[in-house]
PDB file of N, CA and C in Angstrom:
ATOM      1  N   UNK A   1      29.508  41.572   8.945  1.00  0.00           N
ATOM      2  CA  UNK A   1      29.678  41.837  10.043  1.00  0.00           C
ATOM      3  C   UNK A   1      28.858  41.039  11.085  1.00  0.00           C
ATOM      4  N   UNK A   2      29.414  40.836  12.209  1.00  0.00           N
ATOM      5  CA  UNK A   2      28.996  40.088  13.441  1.00  0.00           C
ATOM      6  C   UNK A   2      27.734  41.226  14.200  1.00  0.00           C
ATOM      7  N   UNK A   3      26.927  40.429  14.566  1.00  0.00           N
ATOM      8  CA  UNK A   3      25.968  40.757  15.369  1.00  0.00           C
ATOM      9  C   UNK A   3      26.405  41.442  16.925  1.00  0.00           C
ATOM     10  N   UNK A   4      25.938  42.226  17.267  1.00  0.00           N
ATOM     11  CA  UNK A   4      26.457  42.568  18.507  1.00  0.00           C
ATOM     12  C   UNK A   4      25.204  42.481  19.796  1.00  0.00           C
ATOM     13  N   UNK A   5      24.339  41.722  19.130  1.00  0.00           N
ATOM     14  CA  UNK A   5      23.383  41.449  20.200  1.00  0.00           C
ATOM     15  C   UNK A   5      23.620  40.353  21.020  1.00  0.00           C
ATOM     16  N   UNK A   6      22.505  40.195  21.805  1.00  0.00           N
ATOM     17  CA  UNK A   6      22.301  39.067  22.687  1.00  0.00           C
ATOM     18  C   UNK A   6      21.882  37.715  21.986  1.00  0.00           C
ATOM     19  N   UNK A   7      22.640  36.708  22.365  1.00  0.00           N
ATOM     20  CA  UNK A   7      21.862  35.533  22.111  1.00  0.00           C
ATOM     21  C   UNK A   7      20.334  35.126  22.452  1.00  0.00           C
ATOM     22  N   UNK A   8      19.620  35.003  21.635  1.00  0.00           N
ATOM     23  CA  UNK A   8      18.261  34.542  21.898  1.00  0.00           C
ATOM     24  C   UNK A   8      17.935  33.158  22.621  1.00  0.00           C
ATOM     25  N   UNK A   9      18.663  32.052  21.828  1.00  0.00           N
ATOM     26  CA  UNK A   9      18.398  30.929  22.321  1.00  0.00           C
ATOM     27  C   UNK A   9      19.100  30.136  23.221  1.00  0.00           C
ATOM     28  N   UNK A  10      18.967  29.565  24.301  1.00  0.00           N
ATOM     29  CA  UNK A  10      19.764  29.008  25.345  1.00  0.00           C
ATOM     30  C   UNK A  10      20.401  27.286  24.609  1.00  0.00           C
ATOM     31  N   UNK A  11      21.138  27.363  24.905  1.00  0.00           N
ATOM     32  CA  UNK A  11      21.990  25.632  24.837  1.00  0.00           C
ATOM     33  C   UNK A  11      20.754  24.796  25.267  1.00  0.00           C
ATOM     34  N   UNK A  12      20.138  24.872  26.060  1.00  0.00           N
ATOM     35  CA  UNK A  12      18.952  23.663  26.661  1.00  0.00           C
ATOM     36  C   UNK A  12      17.952  23.846  25.356  1.00  0.00           C
ATOM     37  N   UNK A  13      17.449  24.771  24.944  1.00  0.00           N
ATOM     38  CA  UNK A  13      16.611  24.926  23.988  1.00  0.00           C
ATOM     39  C   UNK A  13      17.326  24.076  22.600  1.00  0.00           C
ATOM     40  N   UNK A  14      18.229  24.480  22.512  1.00  0.00           N
ATOM     41  CA  UNK A  14      19.163  23.891  20.946  1.00  0.00           C
ATOM     42  C   UNK A  14      19.081  22.573  21.391  1.00  0.00           C
ATOM     43  N   UNK A  15      19.754  22.227  22.570  1.00  0.00           N
ATOM     44  CA  UNK A  15      20.019  20.700  22.892  1.00  0.00           C
ATOM     45  C   UNK A  15      18.549  19.686  23.017  1.00  0.00           C
ATOM     46  N   UNK A  16      17.161  20.096  23.019  1.00  0.00           N
ATOM     47  CA  UNK A  16      16.068  19.988  23.047  1.00  0.00           C
ATOM     48  C   UNK A  16      15.712  19.638  21.759  1.00  0.00           C
ATOM     49  N   UNK A  17      15.796  20.502  20.707  1.00  0.00           N
ATOM     50  CA  UNK A  17      15.499  20.703  19.178  1.00  0.00           C
ATOM     51  C   UNK A  17      16.258  19.932  18.843  1.00  0.00           C
ATOM     52  N   UNK A  18      17.556  19.672  19.132  1.00  0.00           N
ATOM     53  CA  UNK A  18      18.361  18.576  18.670  1.00  0.00           C
ATOM     54  C   UNK A  18      18.184  16.984  18.759  1.00  0.00           C
ATOM     55  N   UNK A  19      17.874  16.905  19.721  1.00  0.00           N
ATOM     56  CA  UNK A  19      17.340  15.274  19.997  1.00  0.00           C
ATOM     57  C   UNK A  19      15.902  15.243  19.662  1.00  0.00           C
ATOM     58  N   UNK A  20      15.338  16.249  19.535  1.00  0.00           N
ATOM     59  CA  UNK A  20      14.039  16.015  18.574  1.00  0.00           C
ATOM     60  C   UNK A  20      14.095  15.659  17.338  1.00  0.00           C
ATOM     61  N   UNK A  21      14.946  16.580  16.713  1.00  0.00           N
ATOM     62  CA  UNK A  21      15.241  16.154  15.235  1.00  0.00           C
ATOM     63  C   UNK A  21      15.923  14.613  14.940  1.00  0.00           C
ATOM     64  N   UNK A  22      16.992  14.142  15.697  1.00  0.00           N
ATOM     65  CA  UNK A  22      17.003  13.003  15.950  1.00  0.00           C
ATOM     66  C   UNK A  22      16.055  11.874  16.101  1.00  0.00           C
ATOM     67  N   UNK A  23      14.991  12.149  16.888  1.00  0.00           N
ATOM     68  CA  UNK A  23      14.185  11.117  17.173  1.00  0.00           C
ATOM     69  C   UNK A  23      13.235  11.091  15.800  1.00  0.00           C
ATOM     70  N   UNK A  24      13.392  12.233  15.499  1.00  0.00           N
ATOM     71  CA  UNK A  24      12.014  12.139  14.290  1.00  0.00           C
ATOM     72  C   UNK A  24      12.936  11.372  13.146  1.00  0.00           C
ATOM     73  N   UNK A  25      13.956  11.487  12.972  1.00  0.00           N
ATOM     74  CA  UNK A  25      14.884  10.639  11.897  1.00  0.00           C
ATOM     75  C   UNK A  25      14.859   9.124  11.618  1.00  0.00           C
ATOM     76  N   UNK A  26      14.969   8.974  13.217  1.00  0.00           N
ATOM     77  CA  UNK A  26      14.831   7.584  13.711  1.00  0.00           C
ATOM     78  C   UNK A  26      13.589   6.707  13.460  1.00  0.00           C
ATOM     79  N   UNK A  27      12.702   7.740  13.823  1.00  0.00           N
ATOM     80  CA  UNK A  27      11.375   7.212  13.736  1.00  0.00           C
ATOM     81  C   UNK A  27      11.104   7.055  12.268  1.00  0.00           C
ATOM     82  N   UNK A  28      11.607   7.826  11.219  1.00  0.00           N
ATOM     83  CA  UNK A  28      11.232   7.664   9.812  1.00  0.00           C
ATOM     84  C   UNK A  28      11.863   6.587   9.341  1.00  0.00           C
ATOM     85  N   UNK A  29      13.253   6.454   9.671  1.00  0.00           N
ATOM     86  CA  UNK A  29      14.128   5.125   9.383  1.00  0.00           C
ATOM     87  C   UNK A  29      13.619   4.022   9.621  1.00  0.00           C
ATOM     88  N   UNK A  30      12.735   3.968  11.113  1.00  0.00           N
ATOM     89  CA  UNK A  30      12.033   2.990  11.085  1.00  0.00           C
ATOM     90  C   UNK A  30      10.727   2.263  10.508  1.00  0.00           C
ATOM     91  N   UNK A  31       9.958   3.637  10.231  1.00  0.00           N
ATOM     92  CA  UNK A  31       9.043   3.634   9.102  1.00  0.00           C
ATOM     93  C   UNK A  31       9.365   2.973   7.941  1.00  0.00           C
ATOM     94  N   UNK A  32      10.179   3.428   7.239  1.00  0.00           N
ATOM     95  CA  UNK A  32      10.853   3.136   6.078  1.00  0.00           C
ATOM     96  C   UNK A  32      11.512   1.654   5.906  1.00  0.00           C
ATOM     97  N   UNK A  33      12.344   1.100   7.045  1.00  0.00           N
ATOM     98  CA  UNK A  33      12.698  -0.211   7.217  1.00  0.00           C
ATOM     99  C   UNK A  33      11.152  -1.102   7.278  1.00  0.00           C
ATOM    100  N   UNK A  34       9.958  -0.853   8.018  1.00  0.00           N
ATOM    101  CA  UNK A  34       8.675  -0.971   7.946  1.00  0.00           C
ATOM    102  C   UNK A  34       8.218  -1.465   6.791  1.00  0.00           C
ATOM    103  N   UNK A  35       8.390  -0.573   5.805  1.00  0.00           N
ATOM    104  CA  UNK A  35       7.613  -0.497   4.519  1.00  0.00           C
ATOM    105  C   UNK A  35       8.682  -1.029   3.648  1.00  0.00           C
ATOM    106  N   UNK A  36       9.698  -1.085   3.747  1.00  0.00           N
ATOM    107  CA  UNK A  36      10.815  -1.971   2.840  1.00  0.00           C
ATOM    108  C   UNK A  36      10.501  -3.510   3.125  1.00  0.00           C
ATOM    109  N   UNK A  37      10.521  -3.847   4.352  1.00  0.00           N
ATOM    110  CA  UNK A  37      10.327  -5.361   4.641  1.00  0.00           C
ATOM    111  C   UNK A  37       9.065  -5.932   4.491  1.00  0.00           C
ATOM    112  N   UNK A  38       7.731  -5.040   4.547  1.00  0.00           N
ATOM    113  CA  UNK A  38       6.431  -5.276   3.956  1.00  0.00           C
ATOM    114  C   UNK A  38       6.761  -5.728   2.484  1.00  0.00           C
ATOM    115  N   UNK A  39       7.249  -4.860   1.536  1.00  0.00           N
ATOM    116  CA  UNK A  39       7.331  -5.182   0.119  1.00  0.00           C
ATOM    117  C   UNK A  39       8.199  -6.692   0.109  1.00  0.00           C
ATOM    118  N   UNK A  40       9.090  -6.917   0.858  1.00  0.00           N
ATOM    119  CA  UNK A  40      10.280  -8.156   0.562  1.00  0.00           C
ATOM    120  C   UNK A  40       9.667  -9.175   1.366  1.00  0.00           C
ATOM    121  N   UNK A  41       8.171  -9.158   1.947  1.00  0.00           N
ATOM    122  CA  UNK A  41       7.750 -10.479   2.940  1.00  0.00           C
ATOM    123  C   UNK A  41       7.450 -11.522   1.835  1.00  0.00           C
ATOM    124  N   UNK A  42       7.380 -12.813   1.940  1.00  0.00           N
ATOM    125  CA  UNK A  42       7.026 -13.510   1.224  1.00  0.00           C
ATOM    126  C   UNK A  42       5.163 -13.704   0.765  1.00  0.00           C
ATOM    127  N   UNK A  43       4.737 -13.667  -0.117  1.00  0.00           N
ATOM    128  CA  UNK A  43       3.605 -13.555  -0.607  1.00  0.00           C
ATOM    129  C   UNK A  43       2.654 -14.524   0.124  1.00  0.00           C
ATOM    130  N   UNK A  44       1.501 -14.735  -0.318  1.00  0.00           N
ATOM    131  CA  UNK A  44       0.673 -15.694   0.293  1.00  0.00           C
ATOM    132  C   UNK A  44       0.448 -17.349  -0.077  1.00  0.00           C
ATOM    133  N   UNK A  45       1.596 -17.334  -1.322  1.00  0.00           N
ATOM    134  CA  UNK A  45       2.046 -18.548  -1.854  1.00  0.00           C
ATOM    135  C   UNK A  45       2.989 -19.160  -1.352  1.00  0.00           C
ATOM    136  N   UNK A  46       3.855 -18.356  -0.406  1.00  0.00           N
ATOM    137  CA  UNK A  46       4.848 -18.799   0.142  1.00  0.00           C
ATOM    138  C   UNK A  46       6.265 -18.761  -0.816  1.00  0.00           C
ATOM    139  N   UNK A  47       6.156 -17.875  -1.397  1.00  0.00           N
ATOM    140  CA  UNK A  47       7.078 -17.624  -2.628  1.00  0.00           C
ATOM    141  C   UNK A  47       7.919 -16.355  -2.240  1.00  0.00           C
ATOM    142  N   UNK A  48       8.982 -16.035  -2.225  1.00  0.00           N
ATOM    143  CA  UNK A  48       9.558 -14.440  -1.787  1.00  0.00           C
ATOM    144  C   UNK A  48       9.207 -13.488  -3.207  1.00  0.00           C
ATOM    145  N   UNK A  49       8.631 -12.598  -2.933  1.00  0.00           N
ATOM    146  CA  UNK A  49       8.221 -11.806  -3.344  1.00  0.00           C
ATOM    147  C   UNK A  49       9.521 -11.101  -4.446  1.00  0.00           C
ATOM    148  N   UNK A  50       9.534 -11.026  -5.785  1.00  0.00           N
ATOM    149  CA  UNK A  50      10.687 -10.353  -6.426  1.00  0.00           C
ATOM    150  C   UNK A  50      10.413  -9.008  -7.126  1.00  0.00           C
ATOM    151  N   UNK A  51      10.955  -8.352  -6.681  1.00  0.00           N
ATOM    152  CA  UNK A  51      10.432  -6.918  -7.244  1.00  0.00           C
ATOM    153  C   UNK A  51      11.893  -6.136  -7.995  1.00  0.00           C
ATOM    154  N   UNK A  52      11.303  -5.590  -9.490  1.00  0.00           N
ATOM    155  CA  UNK A  52      12.347  -5.077 -10.190  1.00  0.00           C
ATOM    156  C   UNK A  52      12.088  -3.608  -9.916  1.00  0.00           C
ATOM    157  N   UNK A  53      13.438  -2.660 -10.145  1.00  0.00           N
ATOM    158  CA  UNK A  53      13.113  -1.285 -10.095  1.00  0.00           C
ATOM    159  C   UNK A  53      12.252  -1.202 -11.455  1.00  0.00           C
ATOM    160  N   UNK A  54      11.435   0.035 -10.705  1.00  0.00           N
ATOM    161  CA  UNK A  54      10.579   0.648 -11.893  1.00  0.00           C
ATOM    162  C   UNK A  54      11.678   1.077 -13.223  1.00  0.00           C
ATOM    163  N   UNK A  55      11.209   0.972 -14.235  1.00  0.00           N
ATOM    164  CA  UNK A  55      12.446   1.541 -15.411  1.00  0.00           C
ATOM    165  C   UNK A  55      12.928   0.689 -15.846  1.00  0.00           C
ATOM    166  N   UNK A  56      13.336  -0.717 -14.990  1.00  0.00           N
ATOM    167  CA  UNK A  56      14.963  -1.775 -15.380  1.00  0.00           C
ATOM    168  C   UNK A  56      14.965  -1.614 -16.587  1.00  0.00           C
ATOM    169  N   UNK A  57      13.615  -1.864 -17.509  1.00  0.00           N
ATOM    170  CA  UNK A  57      13.749  -2.432 -18.744  1.00  0.00           C
ATOM    171  C   UNK A  57      13.553  -4.080 -18.742  1.00  0.00           C
ATOM    172  N   UNK A  58      13.904  -4.654 -17.863  1.00  0.00           N
ATOM    173  CA  UNK A  58      14.024  -6.222 -17.797  1.00  0.00           C
ATOM    174  C   UNK A  58      12.621  -6.863 -18.235  1.00  0.00           C
ATOM    175  N   UNK A  59      12.479  -7.703 -19.100  1.00  0.00           N
ATOM    176  CA  UNK A  59      11.475  -8.065 -19.614  1.00  0.00           C
ATOM    177  C   UNK A  59      11.637  -9.796 -19.530  1.00  0.00           C
ATOM    178  N   UNK A  60      10.615 -10.501 -18.374  1.00  0.00           N
ATOM    179  CA  UNK A  60      10.794 -11.825 -18.360  1.00  0.00           C
ATOM    180  C   UNK A  60       9.819 -12.475 -19.463  1.00  0.00           C
ATOM    181  N   UNK A  61      10.293 -13.393 -20.480  1.00  0.00           N
ATOM    182  CA  UNK A  61       9.152 -13.943 -21.262  1.00  0.00           C
ATOM    183  C   UNK A  61       8.459 -14.647 -20.554  1.00  0.00           C
ATOM    184  N   UNK A  62       7.040 -14.741 -21.438  1.00  0.00           N
ATOM    185  CA  UNK A  62       5.725 -15.630 -20.660  1.00  0.00           C
ATOM    186  C   UNK A  62       6.224 -17.003 -21.153  1.00  0.00           C
ATOM    187  N   UNK A  63       5.958 -17.934 -20.142  1.00  0.00           N
ATOM    188  CA  UNK A  63       6.075 -19.257 -20.709  1.00  0.00           C
ATOM    189  C   UNK A  63       4.551 -20.085 -20.584  1.00  0.00           C
ATOM    190  N   UNK A  64       3.934 -20.262 -21.748  1.00  0.00           N
ATOM    191  CA  UNK A  64       2.833 -21.114 -21.683  1.00  0.00           C
ATOM    192  C   UNK A  64       2.796 -22.625 -20.964  1.00  0.00           C
ATOM    193  N   UNK A  65       1.834 -22.678 -19.887  1.00  0.00           N
ATOM    194  CA  UNK A  65       1.713 -24.242 -19.484  1.00  0.00           C
ATOM    195  C   UNK A  65       2.018 -25.006 -20.575  1.00  0.00           C
ATOM    196  N   UNK A  66       2.701 -26.442 -20.316  1.00  0.00           N
ATOM    197  CA  UNK A  66       2.533 -27.307 -21.111  1.00  0.00           C
ATOM    198  C   UNK A  66       2.523 -28.625 -20.540  1.00  0.00           C
ATOM    199  N   UNK A  67       1.063 -29.594 -20.776  1.00  0.00           N
ATOM    200  CA  UNK A  67       0.718 -30.932 -20.526  1.00  0.00           C
ATOM    201  C   UNK A  67       1.437 -31.799 -20.792  1.00  0.00           C
ATOM    202  N   UNK A  68       2.171 -32.543 -19.989  1.00  0.00           N
ATOM    203  CA  UNK A  68       2.985 -33.751 -20.342  1.00  0.00           C
ATOM    204  C   UNK A  68       2.769 -34.798 -19.403  1.00  0.00           C
ATOM    205  N   UNK A  69       2.752 -36.215 -19.921  1.00  0.00           N
ATOM    206  CA  UNK A  69       1.949 -37.356 -19.608  1.00  0.00           C
ATOM    207  C   UNK A  69       3.640 -37.581 -18.411  1.00  0.00           C
ATOM    208  N   UNK A  70       2.785 -38.195 -16.953  1.00  0.00           N
ATOM    209  CA  UNK A  70       3.658 -38.596 -16.183  1.00  0.00           C
ATOM    210  C   UNK A  70       4.465 -39.847 -16.584  1.00  0.00           C
ATOM    211  N   UNK A  71       5.772 -40.082 -16.082  1.00  0.00           N
ATOM    212  CA  UNK A  71       6.589 -41.281 -16.422  1.00  0.00           C
ATOM    213  C   UNK A  71       5.989 -42.439 -15.615  1.00  0.00           C
ATOM    214  N   UNK A  72       5.851 -43.682 -16.278  1.00  0.00           N
ATOM    215  CA  UNK A  72       5.475 -44.897 -15.432  1.00  0.00           C
ATOM    216  C   UNK A  72       6.965 -45.368 -15.009  1.00  0.00           C
ATOM    217  N   UNK A  73       6.577 -45.628 -13.678  1.00  0.00           N
ATOM    218  CA  UNK A  73       7.702 -45.966 -12.699  1.00  0.00           C
ATOM    219  C   UNK A  73       7.607 -47.516 -12.138  1.00  0.00           C
TER     220      UNK A  73
END
């Protein structure tokens, strides 16, 4: 059953609240983009950081460094 009472919120207030929600969503998206960009930034050695999702199960084998003599030119 519909209420016969007077509408208590004006369109101006509804519009202000709508703009506020949009600004907050945009701010959150910018913050998440910055956070994502910082995790994808190259590390101090100049190599691109590679991130596997947690729980992916992919395990790379570790390789031991092997000293080999340089070829004479």
